[in-house]
Amino acid sequence: MLREFSLADVITLANGFSGTASILAAMKYLDVHDARLLWAAFAFLPFAALFDYLDGRVARWRRKNSLLGADLDSLADLVSFGVAPAALAFAVGMRGGVDALVLVYFVGCGISRLARYNATAAALSDESGKVAYFEGTPIPTSLGLVLVLAVLTWQRRTGAALPFGAVDLGGFAFHPLVLIYLVSGSLMISKTLRIPKI
């Protein structure tokens, strides 16, 4: 099967590999508490974004757009810009029961957003096949959340030192900072918010 992949598909896989490497580095950080692993987890995601940008450019340049490529792109984006940012939030200290619910909601919004894009892209595209706008924010905007976490890590404001602290909600810990994930996920699934596609 891999022999049938185009160059753009291989670049898309590199996106997914970068996201997976970020998740694994975050998990290893939780095991050994070596800060270099957390920084590695952050560092893999800009590479994922670069590959996400390049795969579309290469597909258009080589005129090899396909349904397989579109599905590969969505699956890689889900790993890199949905699951990996949620894993990083967990790694830096948002580990309460309510936090987990919000992070699951965020990933669910990413899944829904990508599925909706795949289902509606043909109807929203012009005669050249280009989609004029996104309904809801694109999932790579979650890199903004990752940037916030990286800055907090640099300032050593992780774990118990997270901004706004932790609140006990009926025996479940809740870090108010996790609400940035709630907002980001909600914006992804918005039907009324339209973002022009560049």
C-alpha atoms as a PDB file:
ATOM      1  CA  MET A   1       0.000   0.000   0.000  1.00  0.00           C
ATOM      2  CA  LEU A   2       2.777   2.442   0.894  1.00  0.00           C
ATOM      3  CA  ARG A   3       4.179   2.141  -2.628  1.00  0.00           C
ATOM      4  CA  GLU A   4       0.989   3.766  -3.911  1.00  0.00           C
ATOM      5  CA  PHE A   5       1.423   6.824  -1.693  1.00  0.00           C
ATOM      6  CA  SER A   6       2.294  10.078  -3.393  1.00  0.00           C
ATOM      7  CA  LEU A   7       4.997  12.426  -2.117  1.00  0.00           C
ATOM      8  CA  ALA A   8       2.279  14.540  -0.470  1.00  0.00           C
ATOM      9  CA  ASP A   9       0.979  11.441   1.359  1.00  0.00           C
ATOM     10  CA  VAL A  10       4.461  10.694   2.712  1.00  0.00           C
ATOM     11  CA  ILE A  11       4.722  14.282   3.990  1.00  0.00           C
ATOM     12  CA  THR A  12       1.300  13.870   5.633  1.00  0.00           C
ATOM     13  CA  LEU A  13       2.575  10.736   7.379  1.00  0.00           C
ATOM     14  CA  ALA A  14       5.514  12.797   8.676  1.00  0.00           C
ATOM     15  CA  ASN A  15       2.923  15.101  10.262  1.00  0.00           C
ATOM     16  CA  GLY A  16       1.303  12.134  12.015  1.00  0.00           C
ATOM     17  CA  PHE A  17       4.685  10.738  13.062  1.00  0.00           C
ATOM     18  CA  SER A  18       5.612  14.110  14.611  1.00  0.00           C
ATOM     19  CA  GLY A  19       2.375  14.215  16.580  1.00  0.00           C
ATOM     20  CA  THR A  20       2.842  10.649  17.778  1.00  0.00           C
ATOM     21  CA  ALA A  21       6.427  11.399  18.836  1.00  0.00           C
ATOM     22  CA  SER A  22       5.107  14.370  20.838  1.00  0.00           C
ATOM     23  CA  ILE A  23       2.582  12.161  22.651  1.00  0.00           C
ATOM     24  CA  LEU A  24       5.188   9.502  23.442  1.00  0.00           C
ATOM     25  CA  ALA A  25       7.661  12.120  24.708  1.00  0.00           C
ATOM     26  CA  ALA A  26       4.958  13.577  26.982  1.00  0.00           C
ATOM     27  CA  MET A  27       4.178  10.098  28.327  1.00  0.00           C
ATOM     28  CA  LYS A  28       7.856   9.373  28.981  1.00  0.00           C
ATOM     29  CA  TYR A  29       8.159  12.741  30.746  1.00  0.00           C
ATOM     30  CA  LEU A  30       5.418  11.660  33.167  1.00  0.00           C
ATOM     31  CA  ASP A  31       7.426   8.511  33.881  1.00  0.00           C
ATOM     32  CA  VAL A  32      10.929   9.939  34.411  1.00  0.00           C
ATOM     33  CA  HIS A  33      10.285  13.693  34.933  1.00  0.00           C
ATOM     34  CA  ASP A  34      13.130  14.736  32.648  1.00  0.00           C
ATOM     35  CA  ALA A  35      12.266  18.250  31.415  1.00  0.00           C
ATOM     36  CA  ARG A  36      14.099  17.611  28.143  1.00  0.00           C
ATOM     37  CA  LEU A  37      11.383  15.135  27.195  1.00  0.00           C
ATOM     38  CA  LEU A  38       8.675  17.740  27.746  1.00  0.00           C
ATOM     39  CA  TRP A  39      10.579  20.212  25.569  1.00  0.00           C
ATOM     40  CA  ALA A  40      10.936  17.500  22.924  1.00  0.00           C
ATOM     41  CA  ALA A  41       7.160  16.974  23.068  1.00  0.00           C
ATOM     42  CA  PHE A  42       6.659  20.691  22.404  1.00  0.00           C
ATOM     43  CA  ALA A  43       9.305  20.745  19.657  1.00  0.00           C
ATOM     44  CA  PHE A  44       7.749  17.984  17.565  1.00  0.00           C
ATOM     45  CA  LEU A  45       4.525  19.944  16.974  1.00  0.00           C
ATOM     46  CA  PRO A  46       5.967  22.831  14.912  1.00  0.00           C
ATOM     47  CA  PHE A  47       7.389  20.129  12.642  1.00  0.00           C
ATOM     48  CA  ALA A  48       3.912  18.612  12.392  1.00  0.00           C
ATOM     49  CA  ALA A  49       2.580  22.035  11.380  1.00  0.00           C
ATOM     50  CA  LEU A  50       5.305  22.427   8.767  1.00  0.00           C
ATOM     51  CA  PHE A  51       4.499  19.030   7.258  1.00  0.00           C
ATOM     52  CA  ASP A  52       0.777  19.881   7.351  1.00  0.00           C
ATOM     53  CA  TYR A  53       1.505  23.048   5.368  1.00  0.00           C
ATOM     54  CA  LEU A  54       3.809  21.309   2.898  1.00  0.00           C
ATOM     55  CA  ASP A  55       1.600  18.320   2.053  1.00  0.00           C
ATOM     56  CA  GLY A  56      -1.122  20.503   0.554  1.00  0.00           C
ATOM     57  CA  ARG A  57       1.396  22.594  -1.375  1.00  0.00           C
ATOM     58  CA  VAL A  58       3.069  19.503  -2.801  1.00  0.00           C
ATOM     59  CA  ALA A  59      -0.282  17.904  -3.717  1.00  0.00           C
ATOM     60  CA  ARG A  60      -1.321  21.041  -5.625  1.00  0.00           C
ATOM     61  CA  TRP A  61       2.100  21.403  -7.253  1.00  0.00           C
ATOM     62  CA  ARG A  62       2.038  17.781  -8.466  1.00  0.00           C
ATOM     63  CA  ARG A  63      -1.727  17.902  -9.153  1.00  0.00           C
ATOM     64  CA  LYS A  64      -2.285  14.757  -7.107  1.00  0.00           C
ATOM     65  CA  ASN A  65      -5.211  15.475  -4.797  1.00  0.00           C
ATOM     66  CA  SER A  66      -7.084  12.364  -3.685  1.00  0.00           C
ATOM     67  CA  LEU A  67      -9.678  11.202  -1.191  1.00  0.00           C
ATOM     68  CA  LEU A  68      -6.966   9.050   0.385  1.00  0.00           C
ATOM     69  CA  GLY A  69      -4.765  12.117   0.834  1.00  0.00           C
ATOM     70  CA  ALA A  70      -7.630  14.099   2.385  1.00  0.00           C
ATOM     71  CA  ASP A  71      -8.388  11.319   4.868  1.00  0.00           C
ATOM     72  CA  LEU A  72      -4.712  10.857   5.694  1.00  0.00           C
ATOM     73  CA  ASP A  73      -4.430  14.588   6.322  1.00  0.00           C
ATOM     74  CA  SER A  74      -7.372  14.585   8.727  1.00  0.00           C
ATOM     75  CA  LEU A  75      -6.108  11.564  10.649  1.00  0.00           C
ATOM     76  CA  ALA A  76      -2.613  13.041  10.978  1.00  0.00           C
ATOM     77  CA  ASP A  77      -4.079  16.396  12.054  1.00  0.00           C
ATOM     78  CA  LEU A  78      -6.171  14.686  14.721  1.00  0.00           C
ATOM     79  CA  VAL A  79      -3.063  13.117  16.240  1.00  0.00           C
ATOM     80  CA  SER A  80      -0.840  16.212  15.996  1.00  0.00           C
ATOM     81  CA  PHE A  81      -3.311  18.994  16.746  1.00  0.00           C
ATOM     82  CA  GLY A  82      -5.966  17.169  18.761  1.00  0.00           C
ATOM     83  CA  VAL A  83      -4.528  14.340  20.850  1.00  0.00           C
ATOM     84  CA  ALA A  84      -0.980  15.720  21.274  1.00  0.00           C
ATOM     85  CA  PRO A  85      -2.058  19.135  22.687  1.00  0.00           C
ATOM     86  CA  ALA A  86      -4.417  17.328  25.093  1.00  0.00           C
ATOM     87  CA  ALA A  87      -1.589  14.995  26.163  1.00  0.00           C
ATOM     88  CA  LEU A  88       0.658  18.005  26.771  1.00  0.00           C
ATOM     89  CA  ALA A  89      -1.990  19.667  28.938  1.00  0.00           C
ATOM     90  CA  PHE A  90      -2.160  16.472  30.994  1.00  0.00           C
ATOM     91  CA  ALA A  91       1.645  16.289  31.194  1.00  0.00           C
ATOM     92  CA  VAL A  92       2.056  19.850  32.508  1.00  0.00           C
ATOM     93  CA  GLY A  93      -0.452  19.255  35.299  1.00  0.00           C
ATOM     94  CA  MET A  94      -4.076  19.391  34.135  1.00  0.00           C
ATOM     95  CA  ARG A  95      -4.818  15.908  35.474  1.00  0.00           C
ATOM     96  CA  GLY A  96      -7.972  16.349  37.539  1.00  0.00           C
ATOM     97  CA  GLY A  97     -11.197  14.539  36.785  1.00  0.00           C
ATOM     98  CA  VAL A  98     -12.870  17.662  35.387  1.00  0.00           C
ATOM     99  CA  ASP A  99      -9.701  18.475  33.432  1.00  0.00           C
ATOM    100  CA  ALA A 100      -9.878  15.050  31.811  1.00  0.00           C
ATOM    101  CA  LEU A 101     -13.489  15.614  30.764  1.00  0.00           C
ATOM    102  CA  VAL A 102     -12.566  18.934  29.162  1.00  0.00           C
ATOM    103  CA  LEU A 103      -9.590  17.403  27.347  1.00  0.00           C
ATOM    104  CA  VAL A 104     -11.759  14.550  26.046  1.00  0.00           C
ATOM    105  CA  TYR A 105     -14.303  17.146  24.898  1.00  0.00           C
ATOM    106  CA  PHE A 106     -11.513  19.050  23.104  1.00  0.00           C
ATOM    107  CA  VAL A 107     -10.374  15.935  21.222  1.00  0.00           C
ATOM    108  CA  GLY A 108     -14.006  15.089  20.393  1.00  0.00           C
ATOM    109  CA  CYS A 109     -14.425  18.578  18.931  1.00  0.00           C
ATOM    110  CA  GLY A 110     -11.322  18.013  16.818  1.00  0.00           C
ATOM    111  CA  ILE A 111     -12.712  14.708  15.525  1.00  0.00           C
ATOM    112  CA  SER A 112     -16.058  16.339  14.742  1.00  0.00           C
ATOM    113  CA  ARG A 113     -14.475  19.339  13.070  1.00  0.00           C
ATOM    114  CA  LEU A 114     -12.292  17.225  10.787  1.00  0.00           C
ATOM    115  CA  ALA A 115     -15.144  14.867   9.887  1.00  0.00           C
ATOM    116  CA  ARG A 116     -17.392  17.814   9.041  1.00  0.00           C
ATOM    117  CA  TYR A 117     -14.694  19.340   6.842  1.00  0.00           C
ATOM    118  CA  ASN A 118     -14.225  16.086   4.932  1.00  0.00           C
ATOM    119  CA  ALA A 119     -17.983  15.685   4.486  1.00  0.00           C
ATOM    120  CA  THR A 120     -18.604  19.266   3.318  1.00  0.00           C
ATOM    121  CA  ALA A 121     -15.395  20.183   1.472  1.00  0.00           C
ATOM    122  CA  ALA A 122     -16.781  19.216  -1.944  1.00  0.00           C
ATOM    123  CA  ALA A 123     -19.934  21.288  -1.448  1.00  0.00           C
ATOM    124  CA  LEU A 124     -17.969  24.314  -0.195  1.00  0.00           C
ATOM    125  CA  SER A 125     -15.266  24.257  -2.881  1.00  0.00           C
ATOM    126  CA  ASP A 126     -15.128  26.367  -6.031  1.00  0.00           C
ATOM    127  CA  GLU A 127     -14.547  25.086  -9.572  1.00  0.00           C
ATOM    128  CA  SER A 128     -10.795  24.742  -8.927  1.00  0.00           C
ATOM    129  CA  GLY A 129     -11.531  22.493  -5.933  1.00  0.00           C
ATOM    130  CA  LYS A 130     -10.346  25.052  -3.359  1.00  0.00           C
ATOM    131  CA  VAL A 131     -12.468  25.677  -0.278  1.00  0.00           C
ATOM    132  CA  ALA A 132     -13.009  29.406   0.298  1.00  0.00           C
ATOM    133  CA  TYR A 133     -13.499  29.272   4.070  1.00  0.00           C
ATOM    134  CA  PHE A 134     -13.433  27.033   7.124  1.00  0.00           C
ATOM    135  CA  GLU A 135     -16.536  26.528   9.245  1.00  0.00           C
ATOM    136  CA  GLY A 136     -15.133  26.892  12.752  1.00  0.00           C
ATOM    137  CA  THR A 137     -11.462  27.331  13.524  1.00  0.00           C
ATOM    138  CA  PRO A 138      -9.063  24.898  11.822  1.00  0.00           C
ATOM    139  CA  ILE A 139      -7.649  22.283  14.188  1.00  0.00           C
ATOM    140  CA  PRO A 140      -4.015  23.478  13.781  1.00  0.00           C
ATOM    141  CA  THR A 141      -5.007  26.601  15.743  1.00  0.00           C
ATOM    142  CA  SER A 142      -4.499  24.382  18.797  1.00  0.00           C
ATOM    143  CA  LEU A 143      -0.807  25.192  18.413  1.00  0.00           C
ATOM    144  CA  GLY A 144      -1.724  28.417  20.214  1.00  0.00           C
ATOM    145  CA  LEU A 145      -2.588  26.293  23.255  1.00  0.00           C
ATOM    146  CA  VAL A 146       0.731  24.478  22.948  1.00  0.00           C
ATOM    147  CA  LEU A 147       2.542  27.821  22.850  1.00  0.00           C
ATOM    148  CA  VAL A 148       0.803  28.852  26.100  1.00  0.00           C
ATOM    149  CA  LEU A 149       1.917  25.591  27.736  1.00  0.00           C
ATOM    150  CA  ALA A 150       5.489  26.032  26.469  1.00  0.00           C
ATOM    151  CA  VAL A 151       5.673  29.560  27.913  1.00  0.00           C
ATOM    152  CA  LEU A 152       4.340  28.310  31.256  1.00  0.00           C
ATOM    153  CA  THR A 153       6.891  25.500  31.226  1.00  0.00           C
ATOM    154  CA  TRP A 154       9.675  27.993  30.523  1.00  0.00           C
ATOM    155  CA  GLN A 155       8.413  30.077  33.476  1.00  0.00           C
ATOM    156  CA  ARG A 156       8.265  26.919  35.635  1.00  0.00           C
ATOM    157  CA  ARG A 157       4.551  27.363  36.181  1.00  0.00           C
ATOM    158  CA  THR A 158       3.479  23.757  35.750  1.00  0.00           C
ATOM    159  CA  GLY A 159       2.015  21.166  38.098  1.00  0.00           C
ATOM    160  CA  ALA A 160       0.934  22.793  41.360  1.00  0.00           C
ATOM    161  CA  ALA A 161       2.201  26.165  40.052  1.00  0.00           C
ATOM    162  CA  LEU A 162      -0.238  26.360  37.116  1.00  0.00           C
ATOM    163  CA  PRO A 163      -1.937  29.769  36.831  1.00  0.00           C
ATOM    164  CA  PHE A 164      -5.294  29.998  38.685  1.00  0.00           C
ATOM    165  CA  GLY A 165      -4.390  26.931  40.763  1.00  0.00           C
ATOM    166  CA  ALA A 166      -6.845  24.073  41.257  1.00  0.00           C
ATOM    167  CA  VAL A 167     -10.421  23.928  42.517  1.00  0.00           C
ATOM    168  CA  ASP A 168     -12.157  20.965  44.134  1.00  0.00           C
ATOM    169  CA  LEU A 169     -15.491  20.219  42.452  1.00  0.00           C
ATOM    170  CA  GLY A 170     -17.235  17.494  44.400  1.00  0.00           C
ATOM    171  CA  GLY A 171     -14.034  15.552  44.955  1.00  0.00           C
ATOM    172  CA  PHE A 172     -12.743  16.114  41.404  1.00  0.00           C
ATOM    173  CA  ALA A 173      -9.834  18.463  40.760  1.00  0.00           C
ATOM    174  CA  PHE A 174     -10.358  21.217  38.227  1.00  0.00           C
ATOM    175  CA  HIS A 175      -7.675  23.564  36.903  1.00  0.00           C
ATOM    176  CA  PRO A 176      -9.421  26.668  35.507  1.00  0.00           C
ATOM    177  CA  LEU A 177      -6.621  26.992  32.932  1.00  0.00           C
ATOM    178  CA  VAL A 178      -8.079  23.952  31.145  1.00  0.00           C
ATOM    179  CA  LEU A 179     -10.956  26.190  30.029  1.00  0.00           C
ATOM    180  CA  ILE A 180      -8.753  27.415  27.170  1.00  0.00           C
ATOM    181  CA  TYR A 181      -9.222  23.904  25.741  1.00  0.00           C
ATOM    182  CA  LEU A 182     -12.981  24.149  26.212  1.00  0.00           C
ATOM    183  CA  VAL A 183     -13.052  27.445  24.305  1.00  0.00           C
ATOM    184  CA  SER A 184     -10.732  26.188  21.555  1.00  0.00           C
ATOM    185  CA  GLY A 185     -12.782  23.026  21.034  1.00  0.00           C
ATOM    186  CA  SER A 186     -16.051  24.968  20.962  1.00  0.00           C
ATOM    187  CA  LEU A 187     -14.659  27.349  18.335  1.00  0.00           C
ATOM    188  CA  MET A 188     -13.631  24.393  16.173  1.00  0.00           C
ATOM    189  CA  ILE A 189     -17.188  23.079  15.989  1.00  0.00           C
ATOM    190  CA  SER A 190     -18.867  26.462  15.528  1.00  0.00           C
ATOM    191  CA  LYS A 191     -21.163  26.487  12.476  1.00  0.00           C
ATOM    192  CA  THR A 192     -21.489  30.279  12.372  1.00  0.00           C
ATOM    193  CA  LEU A 193     -17.793  31.156  12.625  1.00  0.00           C
ATOM    194  CA  ARG A 194     -16.290  31.328   9.139  1.00  0.00           C
ATOM    195  CA  ILE A 195     -12.542  31.671   8.680  1.00  0.00           C
ATOM    196  CA  PRO A 196     -11.286  32.560   5.167  1.00  0.00           C
ATOM    197  CA  LYS A 197      -8.920  29.910   3.830  1.00  0.00           C
ATOM    198  CA  ILE A 198      -5.658  31.397   2.600  1.00  0.00           C
END
